[in-house]
């Protein structure tokens, strides 16, 4: 019996009892839909995280102070990075721009509005290095930095909270009791950890002399001329800073260097692990669906014992009988898989549209779901098919 004819015969047998076939497919539909939806959520989360990291700046390297260690126990951040270090890094080959920064927390006040926010001291290069743009107003100038000007740029969320329904430009804002003139508001970047929307920015020199009195830096951000030279620049950077900090060969570095590529790889591993975990949990329902298929196929073999006997009596071979029942199992499983892919894709789209959750169903998810559906049908259909093929023709014809 040809495969095509076998498939037609299998479909006719399944169509003769539509309700039972639908219930049999239900496990596969739910399982496949869950796998597709979970993979879509995982891929969307990975893409979203990657986009947020890339939005921090193009070809970005970040140098931060290391952690002090006492008897092998980390005891806090050391204060090792200085403005002179940042100036020295500008001379490295492959570095397009350098942006030192200091951070601190301060109380903001405008008329009756009060807010506690992160205040970051920056240089004019900061906006370019971090890929930030002005929503309104003007950025800092080199003159503001030189004169320790009391000017401030607000993040989008801070501006909305302190100045609901009005423009902050030109107003006087109190930062820890000192008056600052608002000269600009950053364009909205989007929520997330360390989002500039929730920050306040003043000139680096003003941050030190007027607000916090700190000489050390919290971060030095470097924009690379080319991402391909990241490893070379990191090696030169580490060598230069170790020399400047007079560290011996046996001493660990008192700073840490993180690259954008490293952050992307780390977050990719984390989201990949969670996607795999959730996908594995969802895949359990596929196994349950496979067990349901096996159960129904065993019932079908018993109900059609006399039919099997007739087929054998007119010349059907055992492998023909086995092929027929195996194809029936695969058809049920594959049909459930196709319906599940459609359901899972629809769920992912609805979640993205109405749940404000980025979802991307990758093409491999569809192929994987359908391939697993076929595999489940074969795996759980072999047992009933073998049982049908091993029936004795005489006994099968006598079966009532």
Foldseek 3Di string as FASTA:
>chain_A
DDLVVLLVVLVVVCVVPVVLLVVLLVLLLQLLLQLLQLQQLLVQVLVVVLVLLPLQFAFKKKKFFAFDADPRRTDGGDFQAFVVLQVVLVPDPFFDDKKFKAKDWWWKDDPPAIDIFIEMAIDQCNCNGRVWAFPDFDTDDVVCQVVLAQAKEAAQQVCCRRPPPDDQAQPWMATNRDTGGYGTYIDADDDDVPGRNRYMYGHNNNCCPPPDVDRGTRMMMTHGPDSVCSVVSVVVSQVVSCVVSVPDPPDDDRMDMDTSVNVSVVVSVVSVVVSVVSSVVSNVSVLVSLLSLLVVLLVVLLVCLQVLLVCVVVPDALVNQLSSQLSSLLVSLLVSLVSSSVSSVVVNVCCVVPVVRGTDRDPVSSVVSNVVSNVSSNVSRNVSSNVSSPDDSVVSNVRD
